[in-house]
Protein backbone atom coordinates (compact mmCIF):
# COMPACT_ATOMS: atom_id res chain seq x y z
CA MET A 1 153.89 40.06 122.49
CA LYS A 2 156.26 41.48 119.32
CA ASN A 3 157.86 38.89 117.18
CA THR A 4 161.54 40.34 115.96
CA ASP A 5 159.91 41.13 112.17
CA GLY A 6 157.09 43.30 114.14
CA THR A 7 153.68 40.98 113.98
CA ILE A 8 152.69 40.04 116.86
CA MET A 9 152.39 36.74 118.41
CA VAL A 10 149.66 35.35 120.62
CA SER A 11 149.42 31.97 122.06
CA ARG A 12 146.13 29.54 120.74
CA ARG A 13 145.15 29.41 123.83
CA ARG A 14 144.92 33.04 124.31
CA LEU A 15 143.88 33.49 120.78
CA LEU A 16 140.52 31.49 121.49
CA GLN A 17 140.03 33.67 124.59
CA THR A 18 139.52 36.59 122.99
CA THR A 19 137.76 35.59 119.67
CA GLY A 20 134.87 38.40 118.73
CA THR A 21 133.65 40.39 116.22
CA GLY A 22 137.26 40.71 114.60
CA ALA A 23 138.62 37.28 114.88
CA VAL A 24 138.60 34.12 113.49
CA ILE A 25 138.80 30.83 115.60
CA ILE A 26 142.23 29.23 114.90
CA GLY A 27 141.72 26.10 116.61
CA LEU A 28 138.72 25.43 113.49
CA GLY A 29 141.49 25.77 110.64
CA LEU A 30 139.34 29.12 109.59
CA GLY A 31 142.42 31.42 109.52
CA VAL A 32 144.43 33.96 111.52
CA ILE A 33 143.23 38.02 112.79
CA PRO A 34 145.16 40.31 110.57
CA GLY A 35 148.55 41.32 111.67
CA THR A 36 148.87 38.28 114.18
CA ALA A 37 150.95 35.25 113.96
CA ALA A 38 149.46 32.96 116.10
CA ALA A 39 152.04 30.28 118.13
CA MET A 40 151.91 26.49 119.16
CA ASN A 41 153.82 26.83 122.13
CA LYS A 42 156.33 24.20 123.27
CA ALA A 43 153.66 22.79 125.90
CA GLU A 44 150.51 22.82 123.54
CA LEU A 45 152.75 20.98 121.20
CA ILE A 46 153.75 18.30 123.48
CA GLU A 47 150.29 18.05 124.78
CA ALA A 48 149.62 17.25 121.01
CA MET A 49 151.77 14.88 120.33
CA ALA A 50 150.96 12.95 123.73
CA SER A 51 147.06 12.87 122.98
CA HIS A 52 148.33 11.88 118.93
CA ALA A 53 151.10 9.34 120.15
CA GLY A 54 148.51 7.80 123.29
CA LEU A 55 152.22 8.71 125.35
CA SER A 56 152.10 10.35 128.54
CA LYS A 57 152.59 13.98 128.33
CA ALA A 58 155.99 13.20 130.13
CA ASP A 59 156.84 10.66 127.63
CA ALA A 60 156.08 13.49 124.59
CA LYS A 61 158.36 15.82 126.45
CA LYS A 62 161.28 13.22 126.68
CA ALA A 63 161.15 12.63 123.17
CA LEU A 64 161.12 16.19 121.42
CA GLU A 65 163.43 17.05 124.05
CA GLY A 66 165.18 13.90 122.61
CA PHE A 67 165.05 14.98 119.19
CA THR A 68 166.30 18.54 119.88
CA SER A 69 169.25 17.43 121.30
CA ALA A 70 170.38 14.79 119.04
CA THR A 71 169.83 17.48 116.72
CA THR A 72 171.77 20.28 118.50
CA ASN A 73 174.69 18.16 118.65
CA ALA A 74 175.34 17.05 114.86
CA LEU A 75 175.04 20.39 114.41
CA THR A 76 177.40 21.16 117.31
CA GLU A 77 179.79 19.04 115.45
CA GLY A 78 179.37 20.80 112.21
CA ASP A 79 177.12 17.57 110.43
CA SER A 80 173.87 18.35 108.79
CA ALA A 81 171.32 15.85 110.67
CA VAL A 82 167.93 14.80 109.07
CA LEU A 83 164.76 13.64 110.29
CA ILE A 84 163.16 11.55 107.23
CA GLY A 85 159.65 12.10 106.59
CA PHE A 86 160.41 15.57 107.85
CA GLY A 87 163.38 17.67 106.85
CA SER A 88 167.20 18.39 107.00
CA PHE A 89 169.13 20.71 109.59
CA SER A 90 172.02 22.50 108.05
CA ILE A 91 174.80 25.19 109.15
CA SER A 92 174.36 28.20 106.40
CA LYS A 93 177.54 30.02 106.25
CA ARG A 94 176.52 33.39 105.85
CA SER A 95 179.49 35.93 103.61
CA ALA A 96 180.92 38.56 105.25
CA ARG A 97 180.26 41.42 105.61
CA THR A 98 181.72 45.39 106.03
CA GLY A 99 182.10 46.37 109.68
CA ARG A 100 182.56 42.57 110.75
CA ASN A 101 185.87 40.82 111.80
CA PRO A 102 185.04 37.18 110.85
CA GLN A 103 186.36 35.31 113.89
CA HIS A 104 186.60 31.56 114.00
CA LYS A 105 185.71 28.88 116.69
CA ASN A 106 186.40 24.95 116.40
CA GLY A 107 187.35 25.47 112.51
CA ARG A 108 183.95 27.84 111.49
CA PRO A 109 183.01 30.87 111.14
CA THR A 110 181.03 32.85 113.99
CA ASP A 111 178.39 34.25 111.76
CA SER A 112 176.52 31.07 110.97
CA ALA A 113 173.12 30.40 110.59
CA VAL A 114 170.71 26.96 111.26
CA THR A 115 169.15 26.37 107.91
CA PHE A 116 165.72 23.64 107.07
CA GLU A 117 165.07 21.99 104.05
CA SER A 118 161.85 19.83 104.06
CA CYS A 119 161.91 16.52 102.92
CA PRO A 120 159.66 15.73 100.30
CA GLU A 121 156.77 14.00 102.39
CA PHE A 122 156.58 16.71 104.56
CA ALA A 123 156.29 19.10 101.64
CA ALA A 124 154.02 17.22 99.78
CA ALA A 125 151.53 17.10 102.76
CA LEU A 126 151.68 20.93 103.61
CA ASP A 127 150.55 21.37 99.84
CA LEU A 128 153.78 23.45 99.29
CA ASN A 129 154.27 24.76 95.80
CA PRO A 130 156.44 22.27 93.81
CA GLY A 131 160.12 22.57 94.03
CA ARG A 132 162.92 20.47 92.33
CA GLY A 133 161.50 17.39 94.38
CA ASP A 134 165.28 15.27 93.43
CA GLU A 135 167.21 18.20 95.35
CA ALA A 136 164.95 18.04 98.36
CA SER A 137 165.27 13.87 98.23
CA ALA A 138 169.22 13.84 97.89
CA LYS A 139 169.16 16.54 101.18
CA CYS A 140 167.20 14.02 102.95
CA ARG A 141 169.45 11.08 101.99
CA ASP A 142 172.67 12.55 102.08
CA ALA A 143 172.60 14.40 105.46
CA ASP A 144 175.53 13.95 107.23
CA VAL A 145 173.54 12.48 110.17
CA THR A 146 169.97 10.67 110.68
CA ILE A 147 168.25 11.43 113.43
CA ASP A 148 165.96 8.08 114.35
CA ALA A 149 163.97 6.53 116.98
CA GLU A 150 167.42 4.58 118.25
CA SER A 151 169.66 8.35 118.55
CA ILE A 152 166.55 10.10 119.91
CA ALA A 153 165.90 6.80 122.68
CA ARG A 154 169.60 7.44 122.97
CA GLU A 155 169.18 10.94 124.34
CA THR A 156 166.21 10.06 126.60
CA GLY A 157 168.48 8.30 129.30
CA ARG A 158 171.38 6.58 129.71
CA ASP A 159 169.08 3.81 132.08
CA PRO A 160 167.87 1.36 129.39
CA GLU A 161 164.80 1.13 132.18
CA SER A 162 164.15 4.67 132.13
CA ARG A 163 164.10 5.63 128.70
CA LEU A 164 162.31 5.81 125.98
CA SER A 165 161.58 2.19 123.65
CA GLU A 166 162.28 3.20 120.01
CA ARG A 167 159.03 2.34 119.59
CA GLU A 168 157.75 5.06 121.70
CA VAL A 169 160.07 7.33 120.23
CA GLN A 170 158.59 6.53 116.87
CA LEU A 171 155.08 6.89 118.07
CA ALA A 172 156.03 10.57 119.43
CA VAL A 173 158.52 11.33 115.97
CA ASP A 174 155.10 10.73 114.14
CA ALA A 175 153.29 12.62 116.23
CA LEU A 176 155.59 15.64 116.50
CA ILE A 177 155.69 15.90 112.21
CA SER A 178 151.34 15.24 112.03
CA VAL A 179 151.39 18.29 114.52
CA THR A 180 153.84 20.63 112.96
CA THR A 181 151.74 19.76 109.28
CA ASP A 182 148.34 20.53 110.91
CA ALA A 183 149.48 23.59 112.34
CA LEU A 184 151.15 24.90 109.76
CA LYS A 185 148.41 24.11 107.22
CA LYS A 186 146.26 26.64 109.69
CA GLY A 187 148.54 29.56 109.59
CA GLU A 188 150.32 28.68 112.84
CA ARG A 189 153.74 29.13 114.08
CA VAL A 190 155.52 26.00 115.78
CA LEU A 191 157.55 26.95 118.69
CA VAL A 192 159.52 23.76 119.95
CA SER A 193 161.38 25.08 122.61
CA VAL A 194 162.60 28.95 123.04
CA GLY A 195 166.11 27.76 122.97
CA PHE A 196 165.55 25.49 120.13
CA GLY A 197 163.52 27.37 117.82
CA SER A 198 160.47 27.83 115.45
CA PHE A 199 158.86 27.07 112.25
CA SER A 200 156.62 28.72 110.20
CA ILE A 201 155.35 28.96 106.42
CA SER A 202 157.27 31.88 104.59
CA LYS A 203 156.93 32.65 100.63
CA ARG A 204 160.17 32.56 99.19
CA SER A 205 160.11 35.50 96.08
CA ALA A 206 160.47 34.66 92.26
CA ARG A 207 164.19 35.22 91.84
CA THR A 208 167.16 34.48 89.33
CA GLY A 209 169.15 31.51 89.75
CA ARG A 210 171.80 29.32 88.11
CA ASN A 211 171.96 26.10 86.68
CA PRO A 212 175.05 24.67 88.68
CA GLN A 213 175.53 22.38 85.47
CA THR A 214 175.98 24.94 82.59
CA GLY A 215 176.34 28.13 84.92
CA LYS A 216 173.38 29.28 82.81
CA GLU A 217 170.98 31.57 84.31
CA ILE A 218 167.39 30.24 85.01
CA GLN A 219 164.52 31.98 86.54
CA ILE A 220 163.34 30.25 89.87
CA ALA A 221 159.36 31.02 90.61
CA ALA A 222 158.21 32.42 93.84
CA LYS A 223 157.22 29.01 96.28
CA ASN A 224 156.10 28.73 99.54
CA VAL A 225 158.49 27.14 102.14
CA VAL A 226 158.65 25.63 105.83
CA LYS A 227 161.27 28.45 107.44
CA PHE A 228 162.88 27.46 110.64
CA LYS A 229 164.35 30.09 113.04
CA ALA A 230 167.02 29.07 115.03
CA GLY A 231 166.51 29.48 119.13
CA ALA A 232 169.41 31.73 120.72
CA GLU A 233 171.00 28.60 122.33
CA LEU A 234 171.16 26.44 119.14
CA SER A 235 172.62 29.46 117.18
CA LYS A 236 174.88 30.04 120.23
CA ALA A 237 175.60 26.34 120.42
CA VAL A 238 176.44 26.32 116.32
CA ASN A 239 178.74 29.56 116.60
């Protein structure tokens, strides 16, 4: 299956089944087949989270969907949202382009995208090239909405008897961060869900920027970053 950027996406399970002379086993963290992007899909993510957290797959799935629901709800309201220790999500308004009629819905431009900024702890765990740690920390602290165990637990059910406890949710969240970290370090793309989106590692080229305080041009070094690609349902919800 091909991604929109032309690379081929294959599941880890399928890749392991087809490894041969020209393949390298992803599960051992030794690399990837040239021209392919191994992907951990939602079912595999849930299975790994459940194993890591000591939860059932049903509870891991409920926690994961609670996280995506809480994040989507915040972004739909135009708020930024952060999962502490992981990263912050916000809506980036793209500048108008020739041939587009800028329409608005609920006071926001319809041509918008969801951006993700790693929290320092997540970036450090991934051994990413150092960026501006203070800025990253500020974004993680200053988001409009904090997605925590309490808010995710509420999303898992209205009935206190059936919804997950905050302890169970915290175990699932810790597992989500750990599993995602391990997968990205192996070069895998992590698909949280088709509707919500996926995470991958992307190289950001060196570029010229400006010091926001002095306006003076500065050279920003190339660095690896976590890239979040919003799914169709999330993109539609925030537009």
